[in-house]
Amino acid sequence: MYDAGVVRDEVERLSAEGVRVPPSDTRPDDLAVLVYTSGSTAVPKAVMCPHAQIVFATRAIQEVLGYRPDDVVFCRFPISWDYGLYKVLLACAGRSEIVLAGEESDLTLLRRMRETGTTIVPIVPSFASIIVTMAGRDREPPPPVRLFTNTGAALPPATIEALRAAFPGARVVRQFGQTECKRISIMPPEEDRERPDSVGLPCRGRRWRSSARTASPSRPGRPARSLRAGRMSCPATGTTRS
């Protein structure tokens, strides 16, 4: 473990001295990280994520969400989960500041967002419900949030409307993805009120279609399987032991 402040000071010192990092011999297809599936439908598996797929996925997501240098990302999720990990990567891509909130009490949630000037909040439905509950009890001006990004499960319409009411001007972005390929689709922020049942448009480099049980394309409004392929996809290893 490294202290972030110490690392930052060292990086700034080396930069001021004009020190240049020697070229790396890491190849794009080299393994960068193992990310584990949640285990909600089967035994957790380790997903092998090469550098090329991670870089491509980060850039494709950033093209849609548009993290900015003046953004502050409030991340409540562990970076051992791909959702938390990619918040760090997206903050780097957008030159944004990130706040790793850790296990802070829910009671201090909005106060910390105000103190840090939070503008982007990654959420899952359960965390969104906590934010809505805390906002209903709060008597201070809301934090300057401009973007909520959801994943993990569909966000109930009532929760979406409650977030909009509590944080005027904030957009609630619906997304869909899997650990093996990170992000499949994103509803563009400027279209957050369009097609409320949609999980968005396919990300760049992603091929996606809905297929019936016969593998033929499904008709609109009918149950179907989601089939995806593209440059974001990573291979999964065998099952792991706890």
Protein backbone atom coordinates (compact mmCIF):
# COMPACT_ATOMS: atom_id res chain seq x y z
CA MET A 1 0.00 0.00 0.00
CA TYR A 2 1.19 3.52 -0.82
CA ASP A 3 0.12 6.83 0.64
CA ALA A 4 -1.49 8.81 -2.19
CA GLY A 5 -0.05 12.09 -0.93
CA VAL A 6 3.49 10.70 -0.87
CA VAL A 7 3.11 9.27 -4.37
CA ARG A 8 1.74 12.57 -5.70
CA ASP A 9 4.59 14.57 -4.17
CA GLU A 10 7.15 12.18 -5.66
CA VAL A 11 5.55 12.35 -9.11
CA GLU A 12 5.49 16.15 -9.00
CA ARG A 13 9.13 16.26 -7.90
CA LEU A 14 10.25 13.96 -10.70
CA SER A 15 8.22 15.92 -13.22
CA ALA A 16 9.76 19.21 -12.10
CA GLU A 17 13.22 17.69 -12.49
CA GLY A 18 12.42 16.64 -16.04
CA VAL A 19 12.77 12.95 -15.30
CA ARG A 20 11.35 10.79 -18.09
CA VAL A 21 10.01 7.28 -17.62
CA PRO A 22 11.91 4.75 -19.76
CA PRO A 23 9.86 2.97 -22.42
CA SER A 24 8.00 -0.06 -21.10
CA ASP A 25 8.32 -3.47 -22.71
CA THR A 26 4.70 -4.25 -21.79
CA ARG A 27 2.70 -5.39 -24.80
CA PRO A 28 -0.97 -4.52 -25.41
CA ASP A 29 -2.01 -8.17 -25.07
CA ASP A 30 -0.16 -8.67 -21.77
CA LEU A 31 -2.32 -9.37 -18.73
CA ALA A 32 -3.02 -6.20 -16.75
CA VAL A 33 -5.39 -7.30 -14.00
CA LEU A 34 -7.69 -10.10 -12.88
CA VAL A 35 -11.23 -8.95 -12.09
CA TYR A 36 -13.61 -11.39 -10.45
CA THR A 37 -17.26 -11.83 -11.34
CA SER A 38 -19.74 -11.24 -8.53
CA GLY A 39 -20.82 -14.85 -8.12
CA SER A 40 -24.50 -13.90 -8.21
CA THR A 41 -25.36 -16.56 -10.82
CA ALA A 42 -22.45 -19.02 -10.51
CA VAL A 43 -19.14 -19.59 -8.75
CA PRO A 44 -16.97 -16.45 -9.18
CA LYS A 45 -14.55 -16.52 -12.09
CA ALA A 46 -11.44 -14.47 -12.67
CA VAL A 47 -11.65 -12.41 -15.85
CA MET A 48 -8.27 -11.90 -17.52
CA CYS A 49 -8.11 -8.26 -18.63
CA PRO A 50 -5.26 -7.37 -21.04
CA HIS A 51 -3.95 -3.82 -21.26
CA ALA A 52 -5.44 -3.29 -24.73
CA GLN A 53 -9.01 -4.09 -23.66
CA ILE A 54 -8.79 -1.95 -20.53
CA VAL A 55 -7.45 1.05 -22.43
CA PHE A 56 -10.02 0.63 -25.20
CA ALA A 57 -12.92 0.28 -22.74
CA THR A 58 -11.80 3.31 -20.73
CA ARG A 59 -11.59 5.49 -23.84
CA ALA A 60 -14.93 4.24 -25.20
CA ILE A 61 -16.72 4.99 -21.92
CA GLN A 62 -15.01 8.37 -21.57
CA GLU A 63 -16.18 9.34 -25.06
CA VAL A 64 -19.79 9.07 -23.85
CA LEU A 65 -19.62 10.20 -20.21
CA GLY A 66 -17.09 12.97 -20.75
CA TYR A 67 -15.27 13.26 -17.41
CA ARG A 68 -13.68 16.74 -17.16
CA PRO A 69 -10.70 18.30 -15.35
CA ASP A 70 -13.09 20.22 -13.08
CA ASP A 71 -14.98 17.05 -12.05
CA VAL A 72 -14.76 15.43 -8.64
CA VAL A 73 -15.77 11.75 -8.65
CA PHE A 74 -17.18 10.38 -5.38
CA CYS A 75 -16.49 6.63 -5.48
CA ARG A 76 -18.04 4.55 -2.70
CA PHE A 77 -17.08 1.22 -4.29
CA PRO A 78 -13.89 -0.84 -3.80
CA ILE A 79 -11.43 -0.73 -6.67
CA SER A 80 -11.26 -4.54 -6.50
CA TRP A 81 -14.64 -4.38 -8.27
CA ASP A 82 -14.49 -3.37 -11.92
CA TYR A 83 -16.95 -0.53 -11.35
CA GLY A 84 -14.66 1.04 -8.76
CA LEU A 85 -11.51 0.28 -10.77
CA TYR A 86 -12.82 2.01 -13.87
CA LYS A 87 -13.76 5.10 -11.88
CA VAL A 88 -10.04 5.50 -11.15
CA LEU A 89 -9.19 4.95 -14.82
CA LEU A 90 -11.89 7.34 -16.04
CA ALA A 91 -10.74 9.99 -13.57
CA CYS A 92 -7.25 9.65 -15.05
CA ALA A 93 -8.64 9.85 -18.59
CA GLY A 94 -10.58 13.00 -17.78
CA ARG A 95 -7.86 14.51 -15.56
CA SER A 96 -10.51 14.55 -12.83
CA GLU A 97 -10.18 14.36 -9.06
CA ILE A 98 -11.44 11.20 -7.36
CA VAL A 99 -12.55 10.73 -3.77
CA LEU A 100 -12.32 7.13 -2.53
CA ALA A 101 -15.02 7.26 0.12
CA GLY A 102 -14.38 3.86 1.68
CA GLU A 103 -16.52 2.88 4.65
CA GLU A 104 -17.65 6.31 5.77
CA SER A 105 -20.98 6.49 7.58
CA ASP A 106 -24.08 7.08 5.48
CA LEU A 107 -24.92 9.93 7.86
CA THR A 108 -21.95 11.95 6.59
CA LEU A 109 -22.52 11.10 2.92
CA LEU A 110 -23.93 14.40 1.66
CA ARG A 111 -21.67 16.47 3.89
CA ARG A 112 -18.60 14.77 2.38
CA MET A 113 -19.95 15.36 -1.11
CA ARG A 114 -20.37 19.05 -0.33
CA GLU A 115 -16.92 19.32 1.25
CA THR A 116 -15.26 17.73 -1.77
CA GLY A 117 -17.36 19.52 -4.39
CA THR A 118 -18.57 16.23 -5.85
CA THR A 119 -19.87 16.44 -9.43
CA ILE A 120 -20.02 12.75 -10.47
CA VAL A 121 -21.46 9.93 -8.36
CA PRO A 122 -21.31 6.28 -9.53
CA ILE A 123 -24.29 4.40 -8.10
CA VAL A 124 -26.05 1.06 -7.92
CA PRO A 125 -29.75 0.92 -6.97
CA SER A 126 -29.14 0.26 -3.25
CA PHE A 127 -26.65 3.13 -2.97
CA ALA A 128 -29.00 5.41 -4.90
CA SER A 129 -31.75 4.65 -2.38
CA ILE A 130 -29.43 5.63 0.48
CA ILE A 131 -28.61 8.93 -1.24
CA VAL A 132 -32.30 9.67 -1.77
CA THR A 133 -33.09 8.90 1.89
CA MET A 134 -30.25 11.09 3.17
CA ALA A 135 -31.21 13.91 0.79
CA GLY A 136 -34.76 13.83 2.15
CA ARG A 137 -33.43 14.50 5.66
CA ASP A 138 -30.79 17.04 4.67
CA ARG A 139 -31.42 20.75 5.17
CA GLU A 140 -28.30 22.08 3.46
CA PRO A 141 -27.90 22.96 -0.23
CA PRO A 142 -27.27 19.84 -2.33
CA PRO A 143 -23.76 18.99 -3.54
CA PRO A 144 -23.03 20.22 -7.10
CA VAL A 145 -23.62 16.80 -8.68
CA ARG A 146 -24.04 16.94 -12.46
CA LEU A 147 -23.95 13.20 -13.21
CA PHE A 148 -25.12 9.97 -11.59
CA THR A 149 -24.02 6.81 -13.44
CA ASN A 150 -25.84 3.58 -12.63
CA THR A 151 -24.93 -0.08 -13.09
CA GLY A 152 -25.44 -3.41 -11.33
CA ALA A 153 -29.21 -3.57 -11.91
CA ALA A 154 -31.96 -1.46 -13.41
CA LEU A 155 -32.63 1.72 -11.45
CA PRO A 156 -36.34 2.04 -10.50
CA PRO A 157 -38.04 5.04 -12.18
CA ALA A 158 -39.10 6.38 -8.78
CA THR A 159 -35.47 6.46 -7.64
CA ILE A 160 -34.41 8.25 -10.82
CA GLU A 161 -37.05 10.94 -10.29
CA ALA A 162 -36.11 11.28 -6.62
CA LEU A 163 -32.45 11.86 -7.55
CA ARG A 164 -33.45 14.50 -10.09
CA ALA A 165 -35.64 16.24 -7.51
CA ALA A 166 -32.93 16.20 -4.83
CA PHE A 167 -30.13 17.28 -7.19
CA PRO A 168 -31.60 19.80 -9.65
CA GLY A 169 -29.86 19.71 -13.01
CA ALA A 170 -28.18 16.35 -12.43
CA ARG A 171 -28.46 13.72 -15.15
CA VAL A 172 -29.02 10.06 -14.29
CA VAL A 173 -27.20 7.84 -16.79
CA ARG A 174 -28.37 4.26 -17.32
CA GLN A 175 -25.76 1.68 -18.31
CA PHE A 176 -25.48 -2.04 -18.96
CA GLY A 177 -22.42 -4.24 -18.78
CA GLN A 178 -20.75 -7.46 -17.71
CA THR A 179 -17.44 -8.10 -16.01
CA GLU A 180 -16.14 -9.92 -19.09
CA CYS A 181 -16.52 -6.86 -21.31
CA LYS A 182 -16.95 -4.01 -18.84
CA ARG A 183 -19.52 -1.76 -20.53
CA ILE A 184 -21.93 -2.88 -23.25
CA SER A 185 -24.18 0.14 -23.54
CA ILE A 186 -24.65 3.64 -22.13
CA MET A 187 -27.57 6.02 -22.46
CA PRO A 188 -25.89 9.30 -23.49
CA PRO A 189 -26.15 11.87 -20.67
CA GLU A 190 -27.97 14.37 -22.89
CA GLU A 191 -30.63 11.71 -23.59
CA ASP A 192 -31.15 10.63 -19.98
CA ARG A 193 -34.90 11.35 -20.14
CA GLU A 194 -35.41 9.50 -23.42
CA ARG A 195 -36.71 5.91 -23.66
CA PRO A 196 -36.97 5.25 -19.90
CA ASP A 197 -36.87 1.46 -20.32
CA SER A 198 -33.67 1.51 -22.38
CA VAL A 199 -30.17 0.72 -21.11
CA GLY A 200 -28.62 2.91 -23.79
CA LEU A 201 -26.69 2.65 -27.01
CA PRO A 202 -23.84 0.21 -27.70
CA CYS A 203 -20.41 1.62 -26.90
CA ARG A 204 -17.90 2.18 -29.67
CA GLY A 205 -16.28 -1.10 -30.69
CA ARG A 206 -19.23 -3.12 -29.44
CA ARG A 207 -21.54 -5.33 -31.53
CA TRP A 208 -24.80 -6.15 -29.80
CA ARG A 209 -28.01 -7.84 -30.86
CA SER A 210 -31.06 -9.41 -29.26
CA SER A 211 -31.59 -13.00 -30.27
CA ALA A 212 -34.50 -15.38 -29.81
CA ARG A 213 -33.93 -18.94 -28.59
CA THR A 214 -33.48 -20.04 -32.20
CA ALA A 215 -30.51 -17.64 -32.57
CA SER A 216 -32.49 -15.57 -35.06
CA PRO A 217 -32.97 -11.85 -34.34
CA SER A 218 -35.85 -11.22 -31.94
CA ARG A 219 -38.83 -9.01 -32.65
CA PRO A 220 -39.41 -5.76 -30.72
CA GLY A 221 -41.10 -6.27 -27.37
CA ARG A 222 -40.34 -10.01 -27.17
CA PRO A 223 -38.11 -11.76 -24.57
CA ALA A 224 -34.63 -12.40 -25.94
CA ARG A 225 -31.01 -13.05 -25.11
CA SER A 226 -28.40 -10.33 -25.37
CA LEU A 227 -25.42 -11.30 -27.54
CA ARG A 228 -22.35 -9.08 -27.54
CA ALA A 229 -18.91 -9.07 -29.10
CA GLY A 230 -16.17 -6.58 -29.75
CA ARG A 231 -12.80 -5.23 -28.70
CA MET A 232 -13.77 -4.83 -25.02
CA SER A 233 -14.34 -8.55 -24.43
CA CYS A 234 -11.93 -10.39 -22.12
CA PRO A 235 -11.56 -14.14 -21.53
CA ALA A 236 -12.66 -15.71 -18.24
CA THR A 237 -10.56 -18.33 -16.46
CA GLY A 238 -11.88 -21.41 -14.70
CA THR A 239 -13.74 -21.26 -11.41
CA THR A 240 -11.84 -20.08 -8.38
CA ARG A 241 -11.66 -21.39 -4.84
CA SER A 242 -12.69 -19.34 -1.86
